[in-house]
């Protein structure tokens, strides 16, 4: 399998389920076989979320990184918790807002930068209510219809 230059794995459910308040880009601590699997595009952040431990460190939970195909018996656990790397001030700000107002931290995008390092774009989110989700669906459908009409006029 060929390695991709820039990997971008999106969490499509997050924008539908949550109202995004603030975004951050964090580094992620990975094992050797994990980064190789991510560079092959074999990862998923669809059902993942972030939590603080008792030391104040931020971890991404439920992120799936499939086992690397060319690894030996030293392969990684696909569903293990992975530590996120942020500035201390950003961590304190996030922890305070999560504890005070009951917000959630959700990964939006897992990507590799130009140096080949894996990064995660995380967002501070508030859960949407049912009527907010219906509004999102209605807006998406009306945009799709407008684009369809514009396309028919241009041809």
N, C-alpha and C. Protein backbone atom coordinates (compact mmCIF):
# COMPACT_ATOMS: atom_id res chain seq x y z
N UNK A 1 0.85 -1.18 0.00
CA UNK A 1 0.00 0.00 0.00
C UNK A 1 0.89 1.24 0.00
N UNK A 2 0.60 2.21 -0.85
CA UNK A 2 1.41 3.42 -0.96
C UNK A 2 1.09 4.40 0.15
N UNK A 3 2.13 5.09 0.62
CA UNK A 3 1.94 6.10 1.64
C UNK A 3 1.38 7.37 1.03
N UNK A 4 0.47 8.00 1.74
CA UNK A 4 -0.10 9.25 1.26
C UNK A 4 0.76 10.40 1.74
N UNK A 5 0.84 11.46 0.93
CA UNK A 5 1.66 12.63 1.31
C UNK A 5 1.07 13.31 2.54
N UNK A 6 -0.15 13.80 2.44
CA UNK A 6 -0.82 14.43 3.58
C UNK A 6 -2.10 13.67 3.88
N UNK A 7 -2.19 13.14 5.07
CA UNK A 7 -3.36 12.38 5.49
C UNK A 7 -4.33 13.34 6.18
N UNK A 8 -5.60 13.27 5.82
CA UNK A 8 -6.63 14.06 6.48
C UNK A 8 -7.82 13.15 6.75
N UNK A 9 -8.00 12.81 8.03
CA UNK A 9 -9.11 11.96 8.44
C UNK A 9 -10.09 12.81 9.23
N UNK A 10 -11.31 12.96 8.72
CA UNK A 10 -12.29 13.87 9.32
C UNK A 10 -13.28 13.13 10.20
N UNK A 11 -13.82 13.87 11.15
CA UNK A 11 -14.91 13.39 11.99
C UNK A 11 -16.17 14.12 11.51
N UNK A 12 -16.88 13.52 10.58
CA UNK A 12 -18.04 14.18 9.96
C UNK A 12 -19.22 14.31 10.91
N UNK A 13 -19.33 13.38 11.84
CA UNK A 13 -20.45 13.40 12.79
C UNK A 13 -20.36 14.58 13.75
N UNK A 14 -19.14 15.04 14.03
CA UNK A 14 -18.94 16.05 15.07
C UNK A 14 -19.65 17.35 14.73
N UNK A 15 -19.57 17.80 13.50
CA UNK A 15 -20.20 19.07 13.13
C UNK A 15 -21.73 18.98 13.16
N UNK A 16 -22.26 17.77 13.00
CA UNK A 16 -23.70 17.59 13.06
C UNK A 16 -24.18 17.45 14.50
N UNK A 17 -23.42 16.74 15.32
CA UNK A 17 -23.83 16.47 16.70
C UNK A 17 -23.54 17.62 17.65
N UNK A 18 -22.52 18.47 17.35
CA UNK A 18 -22.08 19.48 18.29
C UNK A 18 -22.02 20.86 17.66
N UNK A 19 -22.18 21.87 18.50
CA UNK A 19 -21.98 23.26 18.11
C UNK A 19 -20.54 23.61 18.52
N UNK A 20 -19.72 23.96 17.55
CA UNK A 20 -18.29 24.17 17.80
C UNK A 20 -18.05 25.59 18.30
N UNK A 21 -17.38 25.69 19.46
CA UNK A 21 -17.13 26.98 20.08
C UNK A 21 -15.70 27.47 19.87
N UNK A 22 -14.72 26.57 19.97
CA UNK A 22 -13.32 26.96 19.87
C UNK A 22 -12.51 25.78 19.32
N UNK A 23 -11.46 26.07 18.53
CA UNK A 23 -10.65 25.01 17.92
C UNK A 23 -9.20 25.14 18.37
N UNK A 24 -8.53 24.00 18.49
CA UNK A 24 -7.12 23.93 18.85
C UNK A 24 -6.46 22.85 18.00
N UNK A 25 -5.16 23.00 17.75
CA UNK A 25 -4.38 21.95 17.09
C UNK A 25 -3.41 21.40 18.12
N UNK A 26 -3.46 20.08 18.30
CA UNK A 26 -2.63 19.42 19.31
C UNK A 26 -1.78 18.35 18.66
N UNK A 27 -0.59 18.16 19.21
CA UNK A 27 0.23 17.03 18.83
C UNK A 27 -0.32 15.79 19.51
N UNK A 28 0.14 14.63 19.09
CA UNK A 28 -0.37 13.39 19.66
C UNK A 28 0.80 12.42 19.87
N UNK A 29 0.83 11.77 21.01
CA UNK A 29 1.89 10.82 21.33
C UNK A 29 1.51 9.46 20.75
N UNK A 30 2.36 8.95 19.85
CA UNK A 30 2.08 7.69 19.16
C UNK A 30 3.27 6.75 19.22
N UNK A 31 3.01 5.47 19.09
CA UNK A 31 4.06 4.47 18.94
C UNK A 31 4.47 4.42 17.47
N UNK A 32 5.55 3.75 17.17
CA UNK A 32 6.05 3.68 15.80
C UNK A 32 5.09 3.05 14.82
N UNK A 33 4.43 1.96 15.24
CA UNK A 33 3.50 1.31 14.33
C UNK A 33 2.23 2.13 14.16
N UNK A 34 1.87 2.95 15.17
CA UNK A 34 0.67 3.78 15.06
C UNK A 34 0.84 4.86 14.00
N UNK A 35 1.98 5.54 14.00
CA UNK A 35 2.19 6.62 13.02
C UNK A 35 2.28 6.04 11.61
N UNK A 36 2.85 4.85 11.48
CA UNK A 36 2.92 4.22 10.16
C UNK A 36 1.52 3.87 9.64
N UNK A 37 0.65 3.39 10.53
CA UNK A 37 -0.72 3.06 10.14
C UNK A 37 -1.50 4.33 9.79
N UNK A 38 -1.26 5.43 10.52
CA UNK A 38 -1.95 6.69 10.22
C UNK A 38 -1.49 7.22 8.88
N UNK A 39 -0.20 7.11 8.58
CA UNK A 39 0.31 7.57 7.28
C UNK A 39 -0.28 6.76 6.13
N UNK A 40 -0.70 5.52 6.41
CA UNK A 40 -1.40 4.72 5.40
C UNK A 40 -2.88 5.07 5.33
N UNK A 41 -3.36 5.93 6.25
CA UNK A 41 -4.76 6.33 6.27
C UNK A 41 -5.66 5.35 6.98
N UNK A 42 -5.11 4.50 7.82
CA UNK A 42 -5.90 3.47 8.50
C UNK A 42 -6.24 3.89 9.92
N UNK A 43 -7.01 4.97 10.04
CA UNK A 43 -7.43 5.45 11.36
C UNK A 43 -8.84 6.01 11.26
N UNK A 44 -9.50 6.09 12.43
CA UNK A 44 -10.85 6.62 12.49
C UNK A 44 -11.03 7.39 13.79
N UNK A 45 -11.65 8.58 13.69
CA UNK A 45 -11.95 9.37 14.89
C UNK A 45 -13.45 9.62 14.99
N UNK A 46 -14.25 8.78 14.35
CA UNK A 46 -15.69 9.00 14.26
C UNK A 46 -16.39 9.01 15.62
N UNK A 47 -16.03 8.13 16.51
CA UNK A 47 -16.72 8.04 17.80
C UNK A 47 -15.80 8.42 18.96
N UNK A 48 -14.78 9.22 18.68
CA UNK A 48 -13.82 9.53 19.73
C UNK A 48 -14.15 10.85 20.43
N UNK A 49 -13.60 11.00 21.63
CA UNK A 49 -13.77 12.21 22.43
C UNK A 49 -12.52 12.37 23.28
N UNK A 50 -12.39 13.50 23.96
CA UNK A 50 -11.21 13.78 24.77
C UNK A 50 -11.59 13.94 26.23
N UNK A 51 -10.71 13.48 27.11
CA UNK A 51 -10.93 13.54 28.55
C UNK A 51 -9.64 13.91 29.26
N UNK A 52 -9.78 14.58 30.39
CA UNK A 52 -8.63 14.88 31.25
C UNK A 52 -8.48 13.77 32.27
N UNK A 53 -7.22 13.42 32.60
CA UNK A 53 -6.99 12.49 33.70
C UNK A 53 -6.76 13.27 34.98
N UNK A 54 -6.44 12.56 36.07
CA UNK A 54 -6.29 13.23 37.36
C UNK A 54 -5.08 14.14 37.43
N UNK A 55 -4.11 13.97 36.53
CA UNK A 55 -2.91 14.83 36.49
C UNK A 55 -3.12 16.08 35.65
N UNK A 56 -4.26 16.21 35.00
CA UNK A 56 -4.53 17.37 34.15
C UNK A 56 -4.03 17.19 32.73
N UNK A 57 -3.75 15.94 32.32
CA UNK A 57 -3.30 15.66 30.95
C UNK A 57 -4.52 15.30 30.11
N UNK A 58 -4.49 15.70 28.84
CA UNK A 58 -5.61 15.46 27.94
C UNK A 58 -5.35 14.22 27.09
N UNK A 59 -6.32 13.31 27.05
CA UNK A 59 -6.21 12.08 26.27
C UNK A 59 -7.36 11.97 25.30
N UNK A 60 -7.09 11.43 24.11
CA UNK A 60 -8.16 11.13 23.16
C UNK A 60 -8.53 9.66 23.36
N UNK A 61 -9.84 9.43 23.49
CA UNK A 61 -10.35 8.10 23.81
C UNK A 61 -11.23 7.62 22.66
N UNK A 62 -11.17 6.34 22.38
CA UNK A 62 -11.97 5.69 21.32
C UNK A 62 -11.46 5.99 19.91
N UNK A 63 -10.28 6.55 19.78
CA UNK A 63 -9.70 6.75 18.44
C UNK A 63 -9.15 5.40 17.98
N UNK A 64 -9.55 4.97 16.81
CA UNK A 64 -9.14 3.67 16.30
C UNK A 64 -8.01 3.85 15.30
N UNK A 65 -6.88 3.23 15.57
CA UNK A 65 -5.77 3.16 14.62
C UNK A 65 -5.56 1.68 14.36
N UNK A 66 -5.87 1.24 13.14
CA UNK A 66 -5.76 -0.18 12.82
C UNK A 66 -4.31 -0.64 12.94
N UNK A 67 -4.13 -1.92 13.15
CA UNK A 67 -2.78 -2.47 13.30
C UNK A 67 -2.02 -2.31 11.99
N UNK A 68 -0.74 -2.02 12.12
CA UNK A 68 0.13 -1.84 10.95
C UNK A 68 0.38 -3.20 10.31
N UNK A 69 0.24 -3.27 9.00
CA UNK A 69 0.28 -4.56 8.30
C UNK A 69 1.66 -5.21 8.31
N UNK A 70 2.73 -4.42 8.31
CA UNK A 70 4.08 -4.98 8.22
C UNK A 70 4.77 -5.11 9.58
N UNK A 71 4.02 -4.96 10.67
CA UNK A 71 4.61 -5.04 12.00
C UNK A 71 4.71 -6.49 12.46
N UNK A 72 5.57 -6.71 13.42
CA UNK A 72 5.72 -8.05 14.00
C UNK A 72 4.77 -8.17 15.19
N UNK A 73 5.12 -8.96 16.15
CA UNK A 73 4.28 -9.14 17.34
C UNK A 73 4.32 -7.92 18.25
N UNK A 74 5.11 -6.91 17.92
CA UNK A 74 5.20 -5.68 18.72
C UNK A 74 4.19 -4.63 18.25
N UNK A 75 3.07 -5.06 17.70
CA UNK A 75 2.07 -4.13 17.18
C UNK A 75 1.34 -3.45 18.34
N UNK A 76 0.65 -2.33 18.05
CA UNK A 76 -0.03 -1.54 19.06
C UNK A 76 -1.48 -2.02 19.27
N UNK A 77 -2.09 -1.55 20.34
CA UNK A 77 -3.50 -1.81 20.63
C UNK A 77 -4.34 -0.81 19.82
N UNK A 78 -5.27 -1.24 18.98
CA UNK A 78 -6.00 -0.30 18.10
C UNK A 78 -6.84 0.75 18.83
N UNK A 79 -7.37 0.46 20.01
CA UNK A 79 -8.29 1.39 20.69
C UNK A 79 -7.68 2.02 21.95
N UNK A 80 -6.37 2.06 22.09
CA UNK A 80 -5.78 2.57 23.32
C UNK A 80 -5.94 4.10 23.42
N UNK A 81 -5.83 4.62 24.66
CA UNK A 81 -5.90 6.06 24.88
C UNK A 81 -4.58 6.67 24.43
N UNK A 82 -4.67 7.84 23.78
CA UNK A 82 -3.47 8.51 23.29
C UNK A 82 -3.40 9.92 23.85
N UNK A 83 -2.24 10.29 24.35
CA UNK A 83 -2.05 11.58 24.99
C UNK A 83 -1.93 12.69 23.95
N UNK A 84 -2.60 13.82 24.23
CA UNK A 84 -2.52 14.99 23.35
C UNK A 84 -1.56 16.00 23.95
N UNK A 85 -0.84 16.70 23.09
CA UNK A 85 0.18 17.65 23.52
C UNK A 85 -0.29 19.06 23.21
N UNK A 86 -0.51 19.85 24.27
CA UNK A 86 -0.91 21.25 24.16
C UNK A 86 -0.10 22.07 25.15
N UNK A 87 -0.11 23.39 24.99
CA UNK A 87 0.52 24.27 25.96
C UNK A 87 -0.22 24.16 27.29
N UNK A 88 0.50 24.42 28.37
CA UNK A 88 -0.09 24.33 29.71
C UNK A 88 -1.26 25.30 29.86
N UNK A 89 -1.11 26.51 29.29
CA UNK A 89 -2.19 27.51 29.41
C UNK A 89 -3.43 27.05 28.65
N UNK A 90 -3.24 26.44 27.48
CA UNK A 90 -4.39 25.93 26.72
C UNK A 90 -5.08 24.78 27.48
N UNK A 91 -4.27 23.91 28.08
CA UNK A 91 -4.84 22.79 28.85
C UNK A 91 -5.67 23.30 30.02
N UNK A 92 -5.15 24.30 30.74
CA UNK A 92 -5.88 24.83 31.89
C UNK A 92 -7.18 25.50 31.45
N UNK A 93 -7.12 26.24 30.35
CA UNK A 93 -8.32 26.91 29.83
C UNK A 93 -9.38 25.88 29.44
N UNK A 94 -8.96 24.83 28.73
CA UNK A 94 -9.89 23.78 28.32
C UNK A 94 -10.48 23.04 29.52
N UNK A 95 -9.62 22.69 30.49
CA UNK A 95 -10.10 21.96 31.65
C UNK A 95 -11.10 22.78 32.46
N UNK A 96 -10.83 24.08 32.58
CA UNK A 96 -11.74 24.95 33.32
C UNK A 96 -13.10 25.04 32.63
N UNK A 97 -13.10 25.19 31.32
CA UNK A 97 -14.37 25.31 30.60
C UNK A 97 -15.15 23.99 30.58
N UNK A 98 -14.45 22.87 30.55
CA UNK A 98 -15.12 21.57 30.56
C UNK A 98 -15.77 21.32 31.93
N UNK A 99 -15.04 21.63 33.01
CA UNK A 99 -15.57 21.38 34.35
C UNK A 99 -16.66 22.36 34.72
N UNK A 100 -16.51 23.63 34.33
CA UNK A 100 -17.46 24.66 34.74
C UNK A 100 -18.79 24.55 33.99
N UNK A 101 -18.74 24.48 32.68
CA UNK A 101 -19.99 24.56 31.91
C UNK A 101 -20.39 23.27 31.24
N UNK A 102 -19.70 22.17 31.51
CA UNK A 102 -20.12 20.89 30.98
C UNK A 102 -19.97 20.76 29.48
N UNK A 103 -18.98 21.41 28.90
CA UNK A 103 -18.73 21.30 27.47
C UNK A 103 -17.94 20.03 27.18
N UNK A 104 -17.82 19.68 25.91
CA UNK A 104 -17.15 18.47 25.48
C UNK A 104 -16.00 18.83 24.56
N UNK A 105 -14.93 18.05 24.60
CA UNK A 105 -13.82 18.22 23.66
C UNK A 105 -13.87 17.05 22.69
N UNK A 106 -13.97 17.38 21.39
CA UNK A 106 -14.13 16.37 20.35
C UNK A 106 -13.07 16.59 19.28
N UNK A 107 -12.40 15.52 18.81
CA UNK A 107 -11.48 15.67 17.68
C UNK A 107 -12.25 15.85 16.38
N UNK A 108 -11.84 16.84 15.59
CA UNK A 108 -12.48 17.11 14.30
C UNK A 108 -11.70 16.53 13.13
N UNK A 109 -10.36 16.58 13.22
CA UNK A 109 -9.53 16.23 12.08
C UNK A 109 -8.22 15.63 12.58
N UNK A 110 -7.83 14.51 12.01
CA UNK A 110 -6.53 13.90 12.26
C UNK A 110 -5.75 14.05 10.97
N UNK A 111 -4.58 14.70 11.05
CA UNK A 111 -3.81 14.96 9.84
C UNK A 111 -2.33 14.87 10.10
N UNK A 112 -1.55 14.79 9.02
CA UNK A 112 -0.10 14.85 9.13
C UNK A 112 0.36 16.17 8.53
N UNK A 113 1.33 16.80 9.19
CA UNK A 113 1.83 18.08 8.67
C UNK A 113 2.95 17.84 7.66
N UNK A 114 3.61 18.91 7.23
CA UNK A 114 4.66 18.80 6.21
C UNK A 114 5.85 17.97 6.67
N UNK A 115 6.10 17.96 7.98
CA UNK A 115 7.22 17.19 8.52
C UNK A 115 6.87 15.73 8.72
N UNK A 116 5.62 15.37 8.51
CA UNK A 116 5.18 13.99 8.68
C UNK A 116 4.70 13.67 10.08
N UNK A 117 4.54 14.69 10.93
CA UNK A 117 4.06 14.47 12.29
C UNK A 117 2.54 14.44 12.32
N UNK A 118 1.99 13.60 13.16
CA UNK A 118 0.53 13.49 13.28
C UNK A 118 0.02 14.57 14.22
N UNK A 119 -1.01 15.28 13.82
CA UNK A 119 -1.64 16.32 14.62
C UNK A 119 -3.14 16.05 14.66
N UNK A 120 -3.79 16.57 15.69
CA UNK A 120 -5.23 16.43 15.83
C UNK A 120 -5.82 17.81 16.04
N UNK A 121 -6.83 18.16 15.24
CA UNK A 121 -7.56 19.40 15.48
C UNK A 121 -8.72 19.04 16.40
N UNK A 122 -8.71 19.63 17.60
CA UNK A 122 -9.78 19.36 18.56
C UNK A 122 -10.64 20.61 18.70
N UNK A 123 -11.86 20.41 19.16
CA UNK A 123 -12.78 21.53 19.31
C UNK A 123 -13.50 21.43 20.64
N UNK A 124 -13.69 22.59 21.25
CA UNK A 124 -14.51 22.70 22.45
C UNK A 124 -15.95 22.85 21.95
N UNK A 125 -16.82 21.94 22.34
CA UNK A 125 -18.16 21.86 21.74
C UNK A 125 -19.25 21.81 22.80
N UNK A 126 -20.43 22.22 22.36
CA UNK A 126 -21.65 22.06 23.13
C UNK A 126 -22.58 21.19 22.30
N UNK A 127 -23.20 20.22 22.93
CA UNK A 127 -24.10 19.31 22.22
C UNK A 127 -25.31 20.03 21.65
N UNK A 128 -25.68 19.69 20.43
CA UNK A 128 -26.86 20.29 19.81
C UNK A 128 -28.11 19.58 20.29
N UNK A 129 -29.20 20.33 20.34
CA UNK A 129 -30.49 19.72 20.64
C UNK A 129 -31.12 19.22 19.35
N UNK A 130 -32.20 18.51 19.46
CA UNK A 130 -32.83 17.88 18.30
C UNK A 130 -33.27 18.91 17.26
N UNK A 131 -33.84 20.05 17.71
CA UNK A 131 -34.31 21.04 16.73
C UNK A 131 -33.13 21.74 16.05
N UNK A 132 -31.98 21.85 16.71
CA UNK A 132 -30.80 22.40 16.06
C UNK A 132 -30.33 21.48 14.95
N UNK A 133 -30.39 20.17 15.18
CA UNK A 133 -29.99 19.21 14.16
C UNK A 133 -30.91 19.28 12.96
N UNK A 134 -32.23 19.47 13.23
CA UNK A 134 -33.17 19.58 12.11
C UNK A 134 -32.90 20.84 11.30
N UNK A 135 -32.52 21.93 11.97
CA UNK A 135 -32.15 23.15 11.25
C UNK A 135 -30.92 22.93 10.38
N UNK A 136 -29.95 22.17 10.88
CA UNK A 136 -28.74 21.87 10.10
C UNK A 136 -29.09 21.09 8.85
N UNK A 137 -29.99 20.11 9.00
CA UNK A 137 -30.41 19.31 7.84
C UNK A 137 -31.14 20.18 6.83
N UNK A 138 -32.01 21.06 7.31
CA UNK A 138 -32.76 21.94 6.42
C UNK A 138 -31.83 22.89 5.66
N UNK A 139 -30.85 23.47 6.36
CA UNK A 139 -29.89 24.37 5.72
C UNK A 139 -29.07 23.64 4.66
N UNK A 140 -28.64 22.41 4.99
CA UNK A 140 -27.84 21.63 4.05
C UNK A 140 -28.65 21.29 2.79
N UNK A 141 -29.93 20.92 2.97
CA UNK A 141 -30.78 20.60 1.82
C UNK A 141 -31.04 21.82 0.95
N UNK A 142 -31.30 22.98 1.59
CA UNK A 142 -31.56 24.19 0.79
C UNK A 142 -30.30 24.61 0.04
N UNK A 143 -29.13 24.47 0.63
CA UNK A 143 -27.88 24.81 -0.05
C UNK A 143 -27.67 23.89 -1.25
N UNK A 144 -27.95 22.60 -1.06
CA UNK A 144 -27.81 21.63 -2.14
C UNK A 144 -28.75 21.98 -3.30
N UNK A 145 -30.00 22.37 -2.98
CA UNK A 145 -30.95 22.75 -4.03
C UNK A 145 -30.52 24.01 -4.76
N UNK A 146 -30.01 25.00 -4.02
CA UNK A 146 -29.52 26.23 -4.66
C UNK A 146 -28.36 25.94 -5.60
N UNK A 147 -27.43 25.08 -5.16
CA UNK A 147 -26.29 24.73 -6.01
C UNK A 147 -26.76 24.01 -7.28
N UNK A 148 -27.78 23.17 -7.14
CA UNK A 148 -28.32 22.44 -8.28
C UNK A 148 -28.95 23.43 -9.28
N UNK A 149 -29.69 24.42 -8.77
CA UNK A 149 -30.33 25.43 -9.64
C UNK A 149 -29.27 26.28 -10.33
N UNK A 150 -28.25 26.70 -9.61
CA UNK A 150 -27.17 27.50 -10.20
C UNK A 150 -26.47 26.73 -11.31
N UNK A 151 -26.24 25.45 -11.07
CA UNK A 151 -25.56 24.62 -12.05
C UNK A 151 -26.40 24.49 -13.32
N UNK A 152 -27.73 24.37 -13.19
CA UNK A 152 -28.58 24.24 -14.37
C UNK A 152 -28.64 25.56 -15.16
N UNK A 153 -28.51 26.71 -14.48
CA UNK A 153 -28.50 27.98 -15.20
C UNK A 153 -27.18 28.22 -15.92
N UNK A 154 -26.09 27.73 -15.37
CA UNK A 154 -24.78 27.93 -15.98
C UNK A 154 -24.59 27.07 -17.22
N UNK A 155 -25.30 25.97 -17.32
CA UNK A 155 -25.14 25.07 -18.49
C UNK A 155 -26.03 25.44 -19.61
